[in-house]
Amino acid sequence: MKLLQLKSWIARLVIVSFFFLIKFPTPFYADNGNIDRLEGTDRYKTAAAISRKGWDISDYAVLARGDDFADALCAGPLAAKYNAPILMTEPNELNTATLDEMKRLGVKHLYKEITVKTLSDLPIRK
C-alpha cells in the first residue's frame, strides 16, 4: 500500500513540476558582449578567417570538403582532440586560401576528411 502511495505522490510532483516549468519558463537572453563577425567571400575563406582568429600557429590541421557539410561536421571531434582548425577545400583541388592558411599556421600534420586518393592529387588553384 505504501508503495502505491509513494508512486502516486511522485506522479503528482512530476505533474506539478511540469506545470511550473511550462507556466514560468526561465528566460534566456542573448549575450550583449563583444561579438566578432568572421567572414570571407566564400566558405573556404571563411574557414581560413576562423583559423586566423583562433590560432596563431598549429602543428595540426584538419582538411574537410567544403561542398559536403558532413565532412566538416565529422571533423569536429578530431579537430578538438588536436586543438586544430578545420580548413575547407574543394573536392578536386586545394584552393589558395586554404594553402596560404596552412603555410601561415606552420602545419606539420594534416588530417583529411575528404575522399581523394592522396593530398598530392589535389591541384592548386591560382
C-alpha atoms as a PDB file:
ATOM      1  CA  MET A   1       0.000   0.000   0.000  1.00  0.00           C
ATOM      2  CA  LYS A   2       2.800   2.402   0.870  1.00  0.00           C
ATOM      3  CA  LEU A   3       4.459   1.770  -2.499  1.00  0.00           C
ATOM      4  CA  LEU A   4       1.250   2.754  -4.279  1.00  0.00           C
ATOM      5  CA  GLN A   5       1.025   5.951  -2.213  1.00  0.00           C
ATOM      6  CA  LEU A   6       4.663   6.769  -2.990  1.00  0.00           C
ATOM      7  CA  LYS A   7       4.090   6.284  -6.723  1.00  0.00           C
ATOM      8  CA  SER A   8       1.001   8.482  -6.571  1.00  0.00           C
ATOM      9  CA  TRP A   9       2.921  11.198  -4.699  1.00  0.00           C
ATOM     10  CA  ILE A  10       5.790  11.106  -7.257  1.00  0.00           C
ATOM     11  CA  ALA A  11       3.340  11.314 -10.155  1.00  0.00           C
ATOM     12  CA  ARG A  12       1.694  14.399  -8.610  1.00  0.00           C
ATOM     13  CA  LEU A  13       5.078  16.004  -8.040  1.00  0.00           C
ATOM     14  CA  VAL A  14       6.075  15.412 -11.661  1.00  0.00           C
ATOM     15  CA  ILE A  15       2.801  16.882 -12.949  1.00  0.00           C
ATOM     16  CA  VAL A  16       3.062  19.970 -10.724  1.00  0.00           C
ATOM     17  CA  SER A  17       6.739  20.448 -11.660  1.00  0.00           C
ATOM     18  CA  PHE A  18       5.888  20.165 -15.343  1.00  0.00           C
ATOM     19  CA  PHE A  19       3.123  22.752 -14.925  1.00  0.00           C
ATOM     20  CA  PHE A  20       5.504  25.244 -13.276  1.00  0.00           C
ATOM     21  CA  LEU A  21       8.155  24.603 -15.916  1.00  0.00           C
ATOM     22  CA  ILE A  22       5.725  25.446 -18.705  1.00  0.00           C
ATOM     23  CA  LYS A  23       3.974  28.280 -16.867  1.00  0.00           C
ATOM     24  CA  PHE A  24       7.149  30.029 -15.653  1.00  0.00           C
ATOM     25  CA  PRO A  25       9.948  29.281 -18.119  1.00  0.00           C
ATOM     26  CA  THR A  26      13.448  30.500 -17.419  1.00  0.00           C
ATOM     27  CA  PRO A  27      14.205  33.440 -19.709  1.00  0.00           C
ATOM     28  CA  PHE A  28      17.285  33.257 -21.911  1.00  0.00           C
ATOM     29  CA  TYR A  29      18.962  36.428 -23.057  1.00  0.00           C
ATOM     30  CA  ALA A  30      21.450  36.925 -25.855  1.00  0.00           C
ATOM     31  CA  ASP A  31      24.935  37.962 -24.838  1.00  0.00           C
ATOM     32  CA  ASN A  32      25.327  41.705 -25.301  1.00  0.00           C
ATOM     33  CA  GLY A  33      29.122  41.469 -25.154  1.00  0.00           C
ATOM     34  CA  ASN A  34      31.573  41.879 -27.958  1.00  0.00           C
ATOM     35  CA  ILE A  35      30.730  39.780 -30.969  1.00  0.00           C
ATOM     36  CA  ASP A  36      33.319  39.358 -33.694  1.00  0.00           C
ATOM     37  CA  ARG A  37      31.927  38.613 -37.123  1.00  0.00           C
ATOM     38  CA  LEU A  38      34.188  36.294 -39.068  1.00  0.00           C
ATOM     39  CA  GLU A  39      33.517  36.059 -42.759  1.00  0.00           C
ATOM     40  CA  GLY A  40      35.032  35.524 -46.141  1.00  0.00           C
ATOM     41  CA  THR A  41      33.785  35.786 -49.688  1.00  0.00           C
ATOM     42  CA  ASP A  42      33.125  32.028 -49.687  1.00  0.00           C
ATOM     43  CA  ARG A  43      33.120  29.143 -47.215  1.00  0.00           C
ATOM     44  CA  TYR A  44      36.792  28.383 -47.838  1.00  0.00           C
ATOM     45  CA  LYS A  45      37.914  31.910 -46.976  1.00  0.00           C
ATOM     46  CA  THR A  46      35.537  31.946 -44.012  1.00  0.00           C
ATOM     47  CA  ALA A  47      37.188  28.776 -42.650  1.00  0.00           C
ATOM     48  CA  ALA A  48      40.588  30.456 -43.099  1.00  0.00           C
ATOM     49  CA  ALA A  49      39.316  33.577 -41.269  1.00  0.00           C
ATOM     50  CA  ILE A  50      38.116  31.427 -38.354  1.00  0.00           C
ATOM     51  CA  SER A  51      41.514  29.762 -38.276  1.00  0.00           C
ATOM     52  CA  ARG A  52      43.306  33.143 -38.235  1.00  0.00           C
ATOM     53  CA  LYS A  53      41.151  34.293 -35.317  1.00  0.00           C
ATOM     54  CA  GLY A  54      41.595  31.118 -33.271  1.00  0.00           C
ATOM     55  CA  TRP A  55      45.176  30.030 -33.950  1.00  0.00           C
ATOM     56  CA  ASP A  56      48.493  31.840 -34.281  1.00  0.00           C
ATOM     57  CA  ILE A  57      50.308  28.584 -35.014  1.00  0.00           C
ATOM     58  CA  SER A  58      49.245  24.971 -35.138  1.00  0.00           C
ATOM     59  CA  ASP A  59      51.145  21.790 -35.834  1.00  0.00           C
ATOM     60  CA  TYR A  60      47.857  20.135 -36.763  1.00  0.00           C
ATOM     61  CA  ALA A  61      45.025  20.966 -39.153  1.00  0.00           C
ATOM     62  CA  VAL A  62      42.002  19.070 -40.379  1.00  0.00           C
ATOM     63  CA  LEU A  63      41.078  19.348 -44.046  1.00  0.00           C
ATOM     64  CA  ALA A  64      37.431  18.849 -44.989  1.00  0.00           C
ATOM     65  CA  ARG A  65      35.448  19.197 -48.185  1.00  0.00           C
ATOM     66  CA  GLY A  66      33.551  22.451 -48.339  1.00  0.00           C
ATOM     67  CA  ASP A  67      30.802  21.080 -50.569  1.00  0.00           C
ATOM     68  CA  ASP A  68      29.838  18.311 -48.140  1.00  0.00           C
ATOM     69  CA  PHE A  69      28.859  19.574 -44.689  1.00  0.00           C
ATOM     70  CA  ALA A  70      29.097  16.078 -43.227  1.00  0.00           C
ATOM     71  CA  ASP A  71      32.870  16.054 -43.775  1.00  0.00           C
ATOM     72  CA  ALA A  72      33.355  19.185 -41.689  1.00  0.00           C
ATOM     73  CA  LEU A  73      30.839  18.002 -39.116  1.00  0.00           C
ATOM     74  CA  CYS A  74      32.669  14.699 -38.685  1.00  0.00           C
ATOM     75  CA  ALA A  75      35.988  16.551 -38.486  1.00  0.00           C
ATOM     76  CA  GLY A  76      34.917  18.431 -35.332  1.00  0.00           C
ATOM     77  CA  PRO A  77      35.912  15.838 -32.719  1.00  0.00           C
ATOM     78  CA  LEU A  78      39.248  15.193 -34.426  1.00  0.00           C
ATOM     79  CA  ALA A  79      39.990  18.918 -34.576  1.00  0.00           C
ATOM     80  CA  ALA A  80      39.049  19.280 -30.911  1.00  0.00           C
ATOM     81  CA  LYS A  81      41.342  16.416 -29.914  1.00  0.00           C
ATOM     82  CA  TYR A  82      44.369  18.094 -31.515  1.00  0.00           C
ATOM     83  CA  ASN A  83      43.234  21.701 -30.934  1.00  0.00           C
ATOM     84  CA  ALA A  84      43.405  22.130 -34.691  1.00  0.00           C
ATOM     85  CA  PRO A  85      41.494  24.349 -37.099  1.00  0.00           C
ATOM     86  CA  ILE A  86      39.157  22.855 -39.678  1.00  0.00           C
ATOM     87  CA  LEU A  87      40.088  24.135 -43.123  1.00  0.00           C
ATOM     88  CA  MET A  88      37.955  23.509 -46.168  1.00  0.00           C
ATOM     89  CA  THR A  89      38.814  22.677 -49.718  1.00  0.00           C
ATOM     90  CA  GLU A  90      37.031  21.865 -52.909  1.00  0.00           C
ATOM     91  CA  PRO A  91      36.625  18.196 -53.830  1.00  0.00           C
ATOM     92  CA  ASN A  92      39.150  18.172 -56.677  1.00  0.00           C
ATOM     93  CA  GLU A  93      41.597  20.956 -55.866  1.00  0.00           C
ATOM     94  CA  LEU A  94      43.269  22.681 -52.944  1.00  0.00           C
ATOM     95  CA  ASN A  95      42.380  26.363 -53.112  1.00  0.00           C
ATOM     96  CA  THR A  96      44.950  29.047 -52.388  1.00  0.00           C
ATOM     97  CA  ALA A  97      43.159  30.460 -49.303  1.00  0.00           C
ATOM     98  CA  THR A  98      43.445  27.087 -47.584  1.00  0.00           C
ATOM     99  CA  LEU A  99      47.031  26.530 -48.722  1.00  0.00           C
ATOM    100  CA  ASP A 100      48.075  30.009 -47.554  1.00  0.00           C
ATOM    101  CA  GLU A 101      46.471  29.409 -44.165  1.00  0.00           C
ATOM    102  CA  MET A 102      48.243  26.062 -43.744  1.00  0.00           C
ATOM    103  CA  LYS A 103      51.555  27.793 -44.519  1.00  0.00           C
ATOM    104  CA  ARG A 104      50.807  30.614 -42.052  1.00  0.00           C
ATOM    105  CA  LEU A 105      49.989  28.136 -39.291  1.00  0.00           C
ATOM    106  CA  GLY A 106      53.092  26.047 -39.962  1.00  0.00           C
ATOM    107  CA  VAL A 107      51.075  22.848 -40.193  1.00  0.00           C
ATOM    108  CA  LYS A 108      53.177  19.700 -39.816  1.00  0.00           C
ATOM    109  CA  HIS A 109      50.385  17.116 -39.545  1.00  0.00           C
ATOM    110  CA  LEU A 110      47.350  17.283 -41.801  1.00  0.00           C
ATOM    111  CA  TYR A 111      44.320  15.097 -41.222  1.00  0.00           C
ATOM    112  CA  LYS A 112      41.977  14.893 -44.156  1.00  0.00           C
ATOM    113  CA  GLU A 113      38.295  14.164 -44.083  1.00  0.00           C
ATOM    114  CA  ILE A 114      37.971  14.168 -47.854  1.00  0.00           C
ATOM    115  CA  THR A 115      37.569  11.478 -50.441  1.00  0.00           C
ATOM    116  CA  VAL A 116      40.590  11.709 -52.710  1.00  0.00           C
ATOM    117  CA  LYS A 117      43.372   9.178 -53.076  1.00  0.00           C
ATOM    118  CA  THR A 118      46.158  11.382 -51.743  1.00  0.00           C
ATOM    119  CA  LEU A 119      46.604  15.026 -50.931  1.00  0.00           C
ATOM    120  CA  SER A 120      49.109  15.321 -53.762  1.00  0.00           C
ATOM    121  CA  ASP A 121      46.239  14.504 -56.154  1.00  0.00           C
ATOM    122  CA  LEU A 122      44.701  17.919 -55.394  1.00  0.00           C
ATOM    123  CA  PRO A 123      45.906  20.528 -57.895  1.00  0.00           C
ATOM    124  CA  ILE A 124      46.482  24.027 -56.530  1.00  0.00           C
ATOM    125  CA  ARG A 125      44.089  26.602 -57.957  1.00  0.00           C
ATOM    126  CA  LYS A 126      45.577  30.031 -58.556  1.00  0.00           C
END
